[in-house]
């Protein structure tokens, strides 16, 4: 009996999170089914693009966050048992 594989299974395969037996069975399905092979190749390409696209926040964004954090004061509320956030 053959297992029905899904896109989630393709992702597990791509990230090496399948056991050996499942990998072999899925590999044979990918080789035999053109539609499934196309989905596999599309996911593989997307994964490769994600790996290339490492981004960092701009200096402007980091400075805005740091400025906001410096201007924020946290103090206990006298009336309630909560914390007040006060922007200086």
Foldseek 3Di string as FASTA:
>chain_A
DADDDDVVLLVCLLVVNDDPVSNVSVVVVLVPDVVNVVSSVVVNVVVVVVVPPDDDDDPVVVVVVVVQVVQWDWDADPVDRDIDIDGD
